[in-house]
Amino acid sequence: MRIAEVDFGARQPIEGYGPDFFRLGGVAHPAPLMVAPGIVRGWGGYDDRETLLALAGQVDVLLIGTGGQIAHIPADLRAVLEEAGLGVEAMDSPAACRTYNVLLSEARRVALAVLPVG
């Protein structure tokens, strides 16, 4: 089997995480965090809709990490995001980080909003 290293180019994958941070480009950023093409910034959680709505038209799918355990996101938040044209997938934060990295490696238009794992 031949293994090829993934070249993310200028895109920044999630390199790691802990109870209250996510690491990108060797820098630990406090959680919750939102990552999109050219953007790494704090996210105010489910009540911070404007940060996520600003992604409409820039990404096709928004992965939402719900913390250490899988949970439903608020139905009204999902409805608002989908109405704005964002495909929304919720999963626990570790799975969201892994999925984000895979989609990023495929040069997909993806964003990630994650709650802390701890």
PDB file of N, CA and C in Angstrom:
ATOM      1  N   MET A   1       0.847  -1.167   0.000  1.00  0.00           N
ATOM      2  CA  MET A   1       0.000   0.000   0.000  1.00  0.00           C
ATOM      3  C   MET A   1       0.893   1.231   0.000  1.00  0.00           C
ATOM      4  N   ARG A   2       0.512   2.192  -0.801  1.00  0.00           N
ATOM      5  CA  ARG A   2       1.251   3.448  -0.887  1.00  0.00           C
ATOM      6  C   ARG A   2       0.462   4.521  -0.148  1.00  0.00           C
ATOM      7  N   ILE A   3       1.119   5.204   0.770  1.00  0.00           N
ATOM      8  CA  ILE A   3       0.468   6.257   1.541  1.00  0.00           C
ATOM      9  C   ILE A   3       1.034   7.593   1.102  1.00  0.00           C
ATOM     10  N   ALA A   4       0.142   8.491   0.730  1.00  0.00           N
ATOM     11  CA  ALA A   4       0.557   9.829   0.303  1.00  0.00           C
ATOM     12  C   ALA A   4       0.160  10.833   1.377  1.00  0.00           C
ATOM     13  N   GLU A   5       1.055  11.751   1.655  1.00  0.00           N
ATOM     14  CA  GLU A   5       0.755  12.794   2.623  1.00  0.00           C
ATOM     15  C   GLU A   5      -0.195  13.801   1.977  1.00  0.00           C
ATOM     16  N   VAL A   6      -1.168  14.264   2.764  1.00  0.00           N
ATOM     17  CA  VAL A   6      -2.153  15.223   2.269  1.00  0.00           C
ATOM     18  C   VAL A   6      -1.547  16.615   2.282  1.00  0.00           C
ATOM     19  N   ASP A   7      -1.710  17.338   1.178  1.00  0.00           N
ATOM     20  CA  ASP A   7      -1.265  18.731   1.099  1.00  0.00           C
ATOM     21  C   ASP A   7      -2.499  19.617   1.218  1.00  0.00           C
ATOM     22  N   PHE A   8      -2.632  20.296   2.335  1.00  0.00           N
ATOM     23  CA  PHE A   8      -3.788  21.159   2.557  1.00  0.00           C
ATOM     24  C   PHE A   8      -3.601  22.542   1.944  1.00  0.00           C
ATOM     25  N   GLY A   9      -2.416  22.834   1.404  1.00  0.00           N
ATOM     26  CA  GLY A   9      -2.156  24.157   0.852  1.00  0.00           C
ATOM     27  C   GLY A   9      -2.296  25.209   1.933  1.00  0.00           C
ATOM     28  N   ALA A  10      -3.013  26.282   1.636  1.00  0.00           N
ATOM     29  CA  ALA A  10      -3.202  27.369   2.597  1.00  0.00           C
ATOM     30  C   ALA A  10      -4.319  27.065   3.601  1.00  0.00           C
ATOM     31  N   ARG A  11      -5.083  26.013   3.340  1.00  0.00           N
ATOM     32  CA  ARG A  11      -6.169  25.647   4.252  1.00  0.00           C
ATOM     33  C   ARG A  11      -5.580  25.059   5.531  1.00  0.00           C
ATOM     34  N   GLN A  12      -6.252  25.303   6.647  1.00  0.00           N
ATOM     35  CA  GLN A  12      -5.730  24.865   7.942  1.00  0.00           C
ATOM     36  C   GLN A  12      -6.584  23.746   8.531  1.00  0.00           C
ATOM     37  N   PRO A  13      -6.040  22.525   8.598  1.00  0.00           N
ATOM     38  CA  PRO A  13      -6.777  21.437   9.240  1.00  0.00           C
ATOM     39  C   PRO A  13      -6.711  21.566  10.766  1.00  0.00           C
ATOM     40  N   ILE A  14      -7.604  20.871  11.422  1.00  0.00           N
ATOM     41  CA  ILE A  14      -7.540  20.767  12.874  1.00  0.00           C
ATOM     42  C   ILE A  14      -6.426  19.781  13.204  1.00  0.00           C
ATOM     43  N   GLU A  15      -5.437  20.233  13.954  1.00  0.00           N
ATOM     44  CA  GLU A  15      -4.288  19.387  14.301  1.00  0.00           C
ATOM     45  C   GLU A  15      -4.487  18.640  15.616  1.00  0.00           C
ATOM     46  N   GLY A  16      -5.338  19.167  16.470  1.00  0.00           N
ATOM     47  CA  GLY A  16      -5.580  18.542  17.756  1.00  0.00           C
ATOM     48  C   GLY A  16      -6.573  19.354  18.560  1.00  0.00           C
ATOM     49  N   TYR A  17      -6.944  18.799  19.701  1.00  0.00           N
ATOM     50  CA  TYR A  17      -7.895  19.498  20.576  1.00  0.00           C
ATOM     51  C   TYR A  17      -7.737  18.975  21.987  1.00  0.00           C
ATOM     52  N   GLY A  18      -8.255  19.750  22.912  1.00  0.00           N
ATOM     53  CA  GLY A  18      -8.254  19.381  24.318  1.00  0.00           C
ATOM     54  C   GLY A  18      -9.568  19.819  24.933  1.00  0.00           C
ATOM     55  N   PRO A  19      -9.651  19.817  26.260  1.00  0.00           N
ATOM     56  CA  PRO A  19     -10.918  20.127  26.916  1.00  0.00           C
ATOM     57  C   PRO A  19     -11.490  21.499  26.554  1.00  0.00           C
ATOM     58  N   ASP A  20     -10.604  22.466  26.261  1.00  0.00           N
ATOM     59  CA  ASP A  20     -11.091  23.827  26.022  1.00  0.00           C
ATOM     60  C   ASP A  20     -10.361  24.540  24.883  1.00  0.00           C
ATOM     61  N   PHE A  21      -9.757  23.775  23.971  1.00  0.00           N
ATOM     62  CA  PHE A  21      -9.053  24.401  22.847  1.00  0.00           C
ATOM     63  C   PHE A  21      -9.081  23.488  21.621  1.00  0.00           C
ATOM     64  N   PHE A  22      -8.803  24.126  20.472  1.00  0.00           N
ATOM     65  CA  PHE A  22      -8.592  23.419  19.203  1.00  0.00           C
ATOM     66  C   PHE A  22      -7.319  23.997  18.601  1.00  0.00           C
ATOM     67  N   ARG A  23      -6.448  23.142  18.063  1.00  0.00           N
ATOM     68  CA  ARG A  23      -5.158  23.594  17.533  1.00  0.00           C
ATOM     69  C   ARG A  23      -5.164  23.565  16.017  1.00  0.00           C
ATOM     70  N   LEU A  24      -4.779  24.701  15.431  1.00  0.00           N
ATOM     71  CA  LEU A  24      -4.624  24.861  13.991  1.00  0.00           C
ATOM     72  C   LEU A  24      -3.310  25.583  13.749  1.00  0.00           C
ATOM     73  N   GLY A  25      -2.549  25.148  12.769  1.00  0.00           N
ATOM     74  CA  GLY A  25      -1.297  25.816  12.430  1.00  0.00           C
ATOM     75  C   GLY A  25      -0.351  25.948  13.603  1.00  0.00           C
ATOM     76  N   GLY A  26      -0.386  24.983  14.519  1.00  0.00           N
ATOM     77  CA  GLY A  26       0.489  25.021  15.682  1.00  0.00           C
ATOM     78  C   GLY A  26       0.035  25.952  16.784  1.00  0.00           C
ATOM     79  N   VAL A  27      -1.123  26.582  16.629  1.00  0.00           N
ATOM     80  CA  VAL A  27      -1.628  27.535  17.614  1.00  0.00           C
ATOM     81  C   VAL A  27      -2.901  26.988  18.242  1.00  0.00           C
ATOM     82  N   ALA A  28      -2.953  26.997  19.566  1.00  0.00           N
ATOM     83  CA  ALA A  28      -4.160  26.581  20.287  1.00  0.00           C
ATOM     84  C   ALA A  28      -5.117  27.767  20.375  1.00  0.00           C
ATOM     85  N   HIS A  29      -6.338  27.560  19.888  1.00  0.00           N
ATOM     86  CA  HIS A  29      -7.383  28.588  19.930  1.00  0.00           C
ATOM     87  C   HIS A  29      -8.425  28.170  20.955  1.00  0.00           C
ATOM     88  N   PRO A  30      -8.886  29.108  21.783  1.00  0.00           N
ATOM     89  CA  PRO A  30      -9.887  28.741  22.787  1.00  0.00           C
ATOM     90  C   PRO A  30     -11.207  28.339  22.133  1.00  0.00           C
ATOM     91  N   ALA A  31     -11.870  27.385  22.767  1.00  0.00           N
ATOM     92  CA  ALA A  31     -13.177  26.920  22.302  1.00  0.00           C
ATOM     93  C   ALA A  31     -14.255  27.721  23.021  1.00  0.00           C
ATOM     94  N   PRO A  32     -15.420  27.851  22.388  1.00  0.00           N
ATOM     95  CA  PRO A  32     -15.852  27.362  21.073  1.00  0.00           C
ATOM     96  C   PRO A  32     -15.170  28.137  19.942  1.00  0.00           C
ATOM     97  N   LEU A  33     -15.106  27.483  18.784  1.00  0.00           N
ATOM     98  CA  LEU A  33     -14.341  28.017  17.658  1.00  0.00           C
ATOM     99  C   LEU A  33     -15.099  27.814  16.356  1.00  0.00           C
ATOM    100  N   MET A  34     -14.919  28.755  15.426  1.00  0.00           N
ATOM    101  CA  MET A  34     -15.462  28.634  14.078  1.00  0.00           C
ATOM    102  C   MET A  34     -14.304  28.760  13.098  1.00  0.00           C
ATOM    103  N   VAL A  35     -14.233  27.819  12.159  1.00  0.00           N
ATOM    104  CA  VAL A  35     -13.168  27.797  11.157  1.00  0.00           C
ATOM    105  C   VAL A  35     -13.819  27.703   9.785  1.00  0.00           C
ATOM    106  N   ALA A  36     -13.406  28.581   8.887  1.00  0.00           N
ATOM    107  CA  ALA A  36     -13.918  28.593   7.517  1.00  0.00           C
ATOM    108  C   ALA A  36     -12.770  29.054   6.622  1.00  0.00           C
ATOM    109  N   PRO A  37     -12.945  29.033   5.309  1.00  0.00           N
ATOM    110  CA  PRO A  37     -11.857  29.472   4.426  1.00  0.00           C
ATOM    111  C   PRO A  37     -11.359  30.878   4.804  1.00  0.00           C
ATOM    112  N   GLY A  38     -10.100  30.958   5.233  1.00  0.00           N
ATOM    113  CA  GLY A  38      -9.500  32.235   5.598  1.00  0.00           C
ATOM    114  C   GLY A  38      -9.937  32.803   6.938  1.00  0.00           C
ATOM    115  N   ILE A  39     -10.693  32.035   7.723  1.00  0.00           N
ATOM    116  CA  ILE A  39     -11.236  32.550   8.987  1.00  0.00           C
ATOM    117  C   ILE A  39     -10.992  31.535  10.108  1.00  0.00           C
ATOM    118  N   VAL A  40     -10.444  32.006  11.190  1.00  0.00           N
ATOM    119  CA  VAL A  40     -10.372  31.247  12.438  1.00  0.00           C
ATOM    120  C   VAL A  40     -10.759  32.239  13.520  1.00  0.00           C
ATOM    121  N   ARG A  41     -11.891  32.017  14.184  1.00  0.00           N
ATOM    122  CA  ARG A  41     -12.357  32.975  15.182  1.00  0.00           C
ATOM    123  C   ARG A  41     -13.194  32.288  16.239  1.00  0.00           C
ATOM    124  N   GLY A  42     -13.360  32.970  17.335  1.00  0.00           N
ATOM    125  CA  GLY A  42     -14.222  32.463  18.389  1.00  0.00           C
ATOM    126  C   GLY A  42     -15.658  32.397  17.902  1.00  0.00           C
ATOM    127  N   TRP A  43     -16.388  31.497  18.501  1.00  0.00           N
ATOM    128  CA  TRP A  43     -17.813  31.334  18.179  1.00  0.00           C
ATOM    129  C   TRP A  43     -18.579  31.352  19.489  1.00  0.00           C
ATOM    130  N   GLY A  44     -19.672  32.063  19.529  1.00  0.00           N
ATOM    131  CA  GLY A  44     -20.448  32.214  20.763  1.00  0.00           C
ATOM    132  C   GLY A  44     -21.413  31.090  21.055  1.00  0.00           C
ATOM    133  N   GLY A  45     -21.279  29.966  20.368  1.00  0.00           N
ATOM    134  CA  GLY A  45     -22.185  28.843  20.602  1.00  0.00           C
ATOM    135  C   GLY A  45     -23.496  29.005  19.845  1.00  0.00           C
ATOM    136  N   TYR A  46     -24.466  28.211  20.226  1.00  0.00           N
ATOM    137  CA  TYR A  46     -25.735  28.154  19.479  1.00  0.00           C
ATOM    138  C   TYR A  46     -26.450  29.493  19.371  1.00  0.00           C
ATOM    139  N   ASP A  47     -26.228  30.399  20.311  1.00  0.00           N
ATOM    140  CA  ASP A  47     -26.883  31.713  20.251  1.00  0.00           C
ATOM    141  C   ASP A  47     -26.209  32.662  19.264  1.00  0.00           C
ATOM    142  N   ASP A  48     -25.020  32.325  18.797  1.00  0.00           N
ATOM    143  CA  ASP A  48     -24.258  33.168  17.875  1.00  0.00           C
ATOM    144  C   ASP A  48     -24.577  32.778  16.429  1.00  0.00           C
ATOM    145  N   ARG A  49     -25.764  33.086  15.999  1.00  0.00           N
ATOM    146  CA  ARG A  49     -26.215  32.724  14.652  1.00  0.00           C
ATOM    147  C   ARG A  49     -25.569  33.570  13.569  1.00  0.00           C
ATOM    148  N   GLU A  50     -25.325  34.825  13.870  1.00  0.00           N
ATOM    149  CA  GLU A  50     -24.802  35.744  12.850  1.00  0.00           C
ATOM    150  C   GLU A  50     -23.451  35.290  12.316  1.00  0.00           C
ATOM    151  N   THR A  51     -22.608  34.775  13.190  1.00  0.00           N
ATOM    152  CA  THR A  51     -21.300  34.285  12.750  1.00  0.00           C
ATOM    153  C   THR A  51     -21.472  33.171  11.729  1.00  0.00           C
ATOM    154  N   LEU A  52     -22.427  32.292  11.968  1.00  0.00           N
ATOM    155  CA  LEU A  52     -22.659  31.175  11.054  1.00  0.00           C
ATOM    156  C   LEU A  52     -23.394  31.622   9.789  1.00  0.00           C
ATOM    157  N   LEU A  53     -24.351  32.503   9.937  1.00  0.00           N
ATOM    158  CA  LEU A  53     -25.095  32.986   8.765  1.00  0.00           C
ATOM    159  C   LEU A  53     -24.197  33.753   7.796  1.00  0.00           C
ATOM    160  N   ALA A  54     -23.135  34.358   8.299  1.00  0.00           N
ATOM    161  CA  ALA A  54     -22.194  35.080   7.434  1.00  0.00           C
ATOM    162  C   ALA A  54     -21.484  34.135   6.462  1.00  0.00           C
ATOM    163  N   LEU A  55     -21.552  32.836   6.714  1.00  0.00           N
ATOM    164  CA  LEU A  55     -20.916  31.850   5.839  1.00  0.00           C
ATOM    165  C   LEU A  55     -21.758  31.498   4.612  1.00  0.00           C
ATOM    166  N   ALA A  56     -23.017  31.906   4.608  1.00  0.00           N
ATOM    167  CA  ALA A  56     -23.912  31.585   3.488  1.00  0.00           C
ATOM    168  C   ALA A  56     -23.300  32.079   2.183  1.00  0.00           C
ATOM    169  N   GLY A  57     -23.275  31.202   1.197  1.00  0.00           N
ATOM    170  CA  GLY A  57     -22.701  31.527  -0.104  1.00  0.00           C
ATOM    171  C   GLY A  57     -21.204  31.269  -0.187  1.00  0.00           C
ATOM    172  N   GLN A  58     -20.538  31.123   0.968  1.00  0.00           N
ATOM    173  CA  GLN A  58     -19.102  30.874   0.987  1.00  0.00           C
ATOM    174  C   GLN A  58     -18.761  29.395   1.154  1.00  0.00           C
ATOM    175  N   VAL A  59     -19.660  28.649   1.807  1.00  0.00           N
ATOM    176  CA  VAL A  59     -19.430  27.220   2.025  1.00  0.00           C
ATOM    177  C   VAL A  59     -20.693  26.450   1.668  1.00  0.00           C
ATOM    178  N   ASP A  60     -20.503  25.173   1.359  1.00  0.00           N
ATOM    179  CA  ASP A  60     -21.638  24.316   1.033  1.00  0.00           C
ATOM    180  C   ASP A  60     -22.138  23.551   2.248  1.00  0.00           C
ATOM    181  N   VAL A  61     -21.217  23.217   3.134  1.00  0.00           N
ATOM    182  CA  VAL A  61     -21.598  22.450   4.320  1.00  0.00           C
ATOM    183  C   VAL A  61     -20.950  23.045   5.561  1.00  0.00           C
ATOM    184  N   LEU A  62     -21.736  23.092   6.627  1.00  0.00           N
ATOM    185  CA  LEU A  62     -21.284  23.562   7.926  1.00  0.00           C
ATOM    186  C   LEU A  62     -21.365  22.382   8.883  1.00  0.00           C
ATOM    187  N   LEU A  63     -20.222  21.984   9.411  1.00  0.00           N
ATOM    188  CA  LEU A  63     -20.171  20.926  10.403  1.00  0.00           C
ATOM    189  C   LEU A  63     -20.246  21.574  11.774  1.00  0.00           C
ATOM    190  N   ILE A  64     -21.151  21.101  12.606  1.00  0.00           N
ATOM    191  CA  ILE A  64     -21.287  21.633  13.953  1.00  0.00           C
ATOM    192  C   ILE A  64     -20.906  20.543  14.939  1.00  0.00           C
ATOM    193  N   GLY A  65     -19.853  20.802  15.700  1.00  0.00           N
ATOM    194  CA  GLY A  65     -19.414  19.896  16.748  1.00  0.00           C
ATOM    195  C   GLY A  65     -20.132  20.227  18.039  1.00  0.00           C
ATOM    196  N   THR A  66     -20.855  19.247  18.582  1.00  0.00           N
ATOM    197  CA  THR A  66     -21.729  19.470  19.732  1.00  0.00           C
ATOM    198  C   THR A  66     -21.051  19.224  21.075  1.00  0.00           C
ATOM    199  N   GLY A  67     -19.727  19.124  21.080  1.00  0.00           N
ATOM    200  CA  GLY A  67     -19.005  18.869  22.321  1.00  0.00           C
ATOM    201  C   GLY A  67     -18.528  17.432  22.377  1.00  0.00           C
ATOM    202  N   GLY A  68     -18.340  16.920  23.582  1.00  0.00           N
ATOM    203  CA  GLY A  68     -17.821  15.574  23.757  1.00  0.00           C
ATOM    204  C   GLY A  68     -18.802  14.470  23.401  1.00  0.00           C
ATOM    205  N   GLN A  69     -20.074  14.793  23.354  1.00  0.00           N
ATOM    206  CA  GLN A  69     -21.116  13.815  23.035  1.00  0.00           C
ATOM    207  C   GLN A  69     -21.979  14.335  21.880  1.00  0.00           C
ATOM    208  N   ILE A  70     -22.502  13.414  21.097  1.00  0.00           N
ATOM    209  CA  ILE A  70     -23.426  13.796  20.025  1.00  0.00           C
ATOM    210  C   ILE A  70     -24.706  14.353  20.660  1.00  0.00           C
ATOM    211  N   ALA A  71     -25.221  15.401  20.084  1.00  0.00           N
ATOM    212  CA  ALA A  71     -26.455  16.018  20.567  1.00  0.00           C
ATOM    213  C   ALA A  71     -27.130  16.706  19.396  1.00  0.00           C
ATOM    214  N   HIS A  72     -28.418  16.924  19.520  1.00  0.00           N
ATOM    215  CA  HIS A  72     -29.136  17.684  18.503  1.00  0.00           C
ATOM    216  C   HIS A  72     -28.840  19.163  18.698  1.00  0.00           C
ATOM    217  N   ILE A  73     -28.706  19.885  17.587  1.00  0.00           N
ATOM    218  CA  ILE A  73     -28.617  21.332  17.704  1.00  0.00           C
ATOM    219  C   ILE A  73     -30.045  21.859  17.782  1.00  0.00           C
ATOM    220  N   PRO A  74     -30.239  23.058  18.296  1.00  0.00           N
ATOM    221  CA  PRO A  74     -31.597  23.595  18.378  1.00  0.00           C
ATOM    222  C   PRO A  74     -32.275  23.592  16.994  1.00  0.00           C
ATOM    223  N   ALA A  75     -33.500  23.122  16.954  1.00  0.00           N
ATOM    224  CA  ALA A  75     -34.236  22.998  15.685  1.00  0.00           C
ATOM    225  C   ALA A  75     -34.364  24.342  14.977  1.00  0.00           C
ATOM    226  N   ASP A  76     -34.585  25.413  15.732  1.00  0.00           N
ATOM    227  CA  ASP A  76     -34.735  26.721  15.092  1.00  0.00           C
ATOM    228  C   ASP A  76     -33.413  27.193  14.484  1.00  0.00           C
ATOM    229  N   LEU A  77     -32.281  26.854  15.100  1.00  0.00           N
ATOM    230  CA  LEU A  77     -30.980  27.198  14.526  1.00  0.00           C
ATOM    231  C   LEU A  77     -30.770  26.444  13.218  1.00  0.00           C
ATOM    232  N   ARG A  78     -31.048  25.151  13.220  1.00  0.00           N
ATOM    233  CA  ARG A  78     -30.915  24.358  11.996  1.00  0.00           C
ATOM    234  C   ARG A  78     -31.785  24.939  10.879  1.00  0.00           C
ATOM    235  N   ALA A  79     -33.021  25.293  11.206  1.00  0.00           N
ATOM    236  CA  ALA A  79     -33.945  25.824  10.205  1.00  0.00           C
ATOM    237  C   ALA A  79     -33.416  27.128   9.598  1.00  0.00           C
ATOM    238  N   VAL A  80     -32.913  28.021  10.440  1.00  0.00           N
ATOM    239  CA  VAL A  80     -32.397  29.313   9.964  1.00  0.00           C
ATOM    240  C   VAL A  80     -31.185  29.105   9.058  1.00  0.00           C
ATOM    241  N   LEU A  81     -30.289  28.211   9.452  1.00  0.00           N
ATOM    242  CA  LEU A  81     -29.082  27.958   8.658  1.00  0.00           C
ATOM    243  C   LEU A  81     -29.417  27.308   7.322  1.00  0.00           C
ATOM    244  N   GLU A  82     -30.317  26.333   7.349  1.00  0.00           N
ATOM    245  CA  GLU A  82     -30.702  25.665   6.103  1.00  0.00           C
ATOM    246  C   GLU A  82     -31.459  26.610   5.174  1.00  0.00           C
ATOM    247  N   GLU A  83     -32.276  27.482   5.743  1.00  0.00           N
ATOM    248  CA  GLU A  83     -32.993  28.469   4.937  1.00  0.00           C
ATOM    249  C   GLU A  83     -32.016  29.418   4.243  1.00  0.00           C
ATOM    250  N   ALA A  84     -30.871  29.659   4.880  1.00  0.00           N
ATOM    251  CA  ALA A  84     -29.841  30.533   4.302  1.00  0.00           C
ATOM    252  C   ALA A  84     -28.999  29.797   3.251  1.00  0.00           C
ATOM    253  N   GLY A  85     -29.271  28.502   3.055  1.00  0.00           N
ATOM    254  CA  GLY A  85     -28.552  27.744   2.036  1.00  0.00           C
ATOM    255  C   GLY A  85     -27.361  26.957   2.537  1.00  0.00           C
ATOM    256  N   LEU A  86     -27.219  26.858   3.843  1.00  0.00           N
ATOM    257  CA  LEU A  86     -26.111  26.096   4.419  1.00  0.00           C
ATOM    258  C   LEU A  86     -26.560  24.664   4.704  1.00  0.00           C
ATOM    259  N   GLY A  87     -25.802  23.707   4.206  1.00  0.00           N
ATOM    260  CA  GLY A  87     -26.033  22.323   4.593  1.00  0.00           C
ATOM    261  C   GLY A  87     -25.440  22.147   5.980  1.00  0.00           C
ATOM    262  N   VAL A  88     -26.198  21.598   6.902  1.00  0.00           N
ATOM    263  CA  VAL A  88     -25.772  21.499   8.293  1.00  0.00           C
ATOM    264  C   VAL A  88     -25.674  20.031   8.693  1.00  0.00           C
ATOM    265  N   GLU A  89     -24.530  19.666   9.274  1.00  0.00           N
ATOM    266  CA  GLU A  89     -24.321  18.321   9.810  1.00  0.00           C
ATOM    267  C   GLU A  89     -23.827  18.464  11.239  1.00  0.00           C
ATOM    268  N   ALA A  90     -24.544  17.891  12.185  1.00  0.00           N
ATOM    269  CA  ALA A  90     -24.148  17.941  13.590  1.00  0.00           C
ATOM    270  C   ALA A  90     -23.608  16.582  14.016  1.00  0.00           C
ATOM    271  N   MET A  91     -22.536  16.622  14.790  1.00  0.00           N
ATOM    272  CA  MET A  91     -21.920  15.409  15.338  1.00  0.00           C
ATOM    273  C   MET A  91     -21.077  15.827  16.537  1.00  0.00           C
ATOM    274  N   ASP A  92     -20.572  14.867  17.296  1.00  0.00           N
ATOM    275  CA  ASP A  92     -19.723  15.271  18.410  1.00  0.00           C
ATOM    276  C   ASP A  92     -18.483  15.980  17.858  1.00  0.00           C
ATOM    277  N   SER A  93     -17.850  16.800  18.677  1.00  0.00           N
ATOM    278  CA  SER A  93     -16.751  17.637  18.196  1.00  0.00           C
ATOM    279  C   SER A  93     -15.558  16.849  17.649  1.00  0.00           C
ATOM    280  N   PRO A  94     -15.131  15.735  18.281  1.00  0.00           N
ATOM    281  CA  PRO A  94     -14.033  14.971  17.681  1.00  0.00           C
ATOM    282  C   PRO A  94     -14.367  14.474  16.267  1.00  0.00           C
ATOM    283  N   ALA A  95     -15.566  13.963  16.071  1.00  0.00           N
ATOM    284  CA  ALA A  95     -15.972  13.492  14.738  1.00  0.00           C
ATOM    285  C   ALA A  95     -16.064  14.661  13.760  1.00  0.00           C
ATOM    286  N   ALA A  96     -16.538  15.807  14.230  1.00  0.00           N
ATOM    287  CA  ALA A  96     -16.637  16.979  13.365  1.00  0.00           C
ATOM    288  C   ALA A  96     -15.256  17.428  12.898  1.00  0.00           C
ATOM    289  N   CYS A  97     -14.272  17.383  13.792  1.00  0.00           N
ATOM    290  CA  CYS A  97     -12.900  17.760  13.415  1.00  0.00           C
ATOM    291  C   CYS A  97     -12.343  16.802  12.369  1.00  0.00           C
ATOM    292  N   ARG A  98     -12.536  15.497  12.567  1.00  0.00           N
ATOM    293  CA  ARG A  98     -12.037  14.511  11.597  1.00  0.00           C
ATOM    294  C   ARG A  98     -12.722  14.688  10.240  1.00  0.00           C
ATOM    295  N   THR A  99     -14.029  14.873  10.262  1.00  0.00           N
ATOM    296  CA  THR A  99     -14.783  15.039   9.013  1.00  0.00           C
ATOM    297  C   THR A  99     -14.366  16.322   8.298  1.00  0.00           C
ATOM    298  N   TYR A 100     -14.177  17.392   9.062  1.00  0.00           N
ATOM    299  CA  TYR A 100     -13.713  18.654   8.499  1.00  0.00           C
ATOM    300  C   TYR A 100     -12.387  18.457   7.765  1.00  0.00           C
ATOM    301  N   ASN A 101     -11.446  17.761   8.403  1.00  0.00           N
ATOM    302  CA  ASN A 101     -10.136  17.549   7.787  1.00  0.00           C
ATOM    303  C   ASN A 101     -10.245  16.742   6.490  1.00  0.00           C
ATOM    304  N   VAL A 102     -11.095  15.727   6.482  1.00  0.00           N
ATOM    305  CA  VAL A 102     -11.273  14.926   5.262  1.00  0.00           C
ATOM    306  C   VAL A 102     -11.851  15.792   4.143  1.00  0.00           C
ATOM    307  N   LEU A 103     -12.906  16.539   4.442  1.00  0.00           N
ATOM    308  CA  LEU A 103     -13.523  17.387   3.410  1.00  0.00           C
ATOM    309  C   LEU A 103     -12.562  18.485   2.965  1.00  0.00           C
ATOM    310  N   LEU A 104     -11.787  19.010   3.886  1.00  0.00           N
ATOM    311  CA  LEU A 104     -10.794  20.025   3.552  1.00  0.00           C
ATOM    312  C   LEU A 104      -9.745  19.450   2.600  1.00  0.00           C
ATOM    313  N   SER A 105      -9.329  18.213   2.842  1.00  0.00           N
ATOM    314  CA  SER A 105      -8.319  17.578   1.980  1.00  0.00           C
ATOM    315  C   SER A 105      -8.848  17.357   0.571  1.00  0.00           C
ATOM    316  N   GLU A 106     -10.170  17.302   0.438  1.00  0.00           N
ATOM    317  CA  GLU A 106     -10.806  17.149  -0.874  1.00  0.00           C
ATOM    318  C   GLU A 106     -11.125  18.494  -1.511  1.00  0.00           C
ATOM    319  N   ALA A 107     -10.639  19.570  -0.895  1.00  0.00           N
ATOM    320  CA  ALA A 107     -10.855  20.947  -1.367  1.00  0.00           C
ATOM    321  C   ALA A 107     -12.340  21.297  -1.433  1.00  0.00           C
ATOM    322  N   ARG A 108     -13.123  20.746  -0.522  1.00  0.00           N
ATOM    323  CA  ARG A 108     -14.547  21.068  -0.449  1.00  0.00           C
ATOM    324  C   ARG A 108     -14.745  22.403   0.260  1.00  0.00           C
ATOM    325  N   ARG A 109     -15.856  23.048  -0.037  1.00  0.00           N
ATOM    326  CA  ARG A 109     -16.212  24.321   0.612  1.00  0.00           C
ATOM    327  C   ARG A 109     -16.906  23.994   1.936  1.00  0.00           C
ATOM    328  N   VAL A 110     -16.109  23.927   2.994  1.00  0.00           N
ATOM    329  CA  VAL A 110     -16.601  23.453   4.286  1.00  0.00           C
ATOM    330  C   VAL A 110     -16.193  24.417   5.395  1.00  0.00           C
ATOM    331  N   ALA A 111     -17.038  24.499   6.407  1.00  0.00           N
ATOM    332  CA  ALA A 111     -16.742  25.280   7.609  1.00  0.00           C
ATOM    333  C   ALA A 111     -17.030  24.407   8.819  1.00  0.00           C
ATOM    334  N   LEU A 112     -16.462  24.797   9.946  1.00  0.00           N
ATOM    335  CA  LEU A 112     -16.575  24.029  11.173  1.00  0.00           C
ATOM    336  C   LEU A 112     -16.881  24.982  12.332  1.00  0.00           C
ATOM    337  N   ALA A 113     -17.900  24.659  13.101  1.00  0.00           N
ATOM    338  CA  ALA A 113     -18.204  25.388  14.335  1.00  0.00           C
ATOM    339  C   ALA A 113     -18.231  24.333  15.431  1.00  0.00           C
ATOM    340  N   VAL A 114     -17.322  24.462  16.426  1.00  0.00           N
ATOM    341  CA  VAL A 114     -17.190  23.401  17.420  1.00  0.00           C
ATOM    342  C   VAL A 114     -17.258  23.924  18.851  1.00  0.00           C
ATOM    343  N   LEU A 115     -17.979  23.154  19.656  1.00  0.00           N
ATOM    344  CA  LEU A 115     -18.033  23.393  21.092  1.00  0.00           C
ATOM    345  C   LEU A 115     -16.921  22.589  21.751  1.00  0.00           C
ATOM    346  N   PRO A 116     -16.484  22.992  22.950  1.00  0.00           N
ATOM    347  CA  PRO A 116     -15.385  22.275  23.618  1.00  0.00           C
ATOM    348  C   PRO A 116     -15.751  20.820  23.908  1.00  0.00           C
ATOM    349  N   VAL A 117     -14.728  19.981  23.937  1.00  0.00           N
ATOM    350  CA  VAL A 117     -14.941  18.550  24.163  1.00  0.00           C
ATOM    351  C   VAL A 117     -14.986  18.192  25.645  1.00  0.00           C
ATOM    352  N   GLY A 118     -14.503  19.070  26.512  1.00  0.00           N
ATOM    353  CA  GLY A 118     -14.411  18.729  27.927  1.00  0.00           C
ATOM    354  C   GLY A 118     -15.378  19.465  28.794  1.00  0.00           C
TER     355      GLY A 118
END
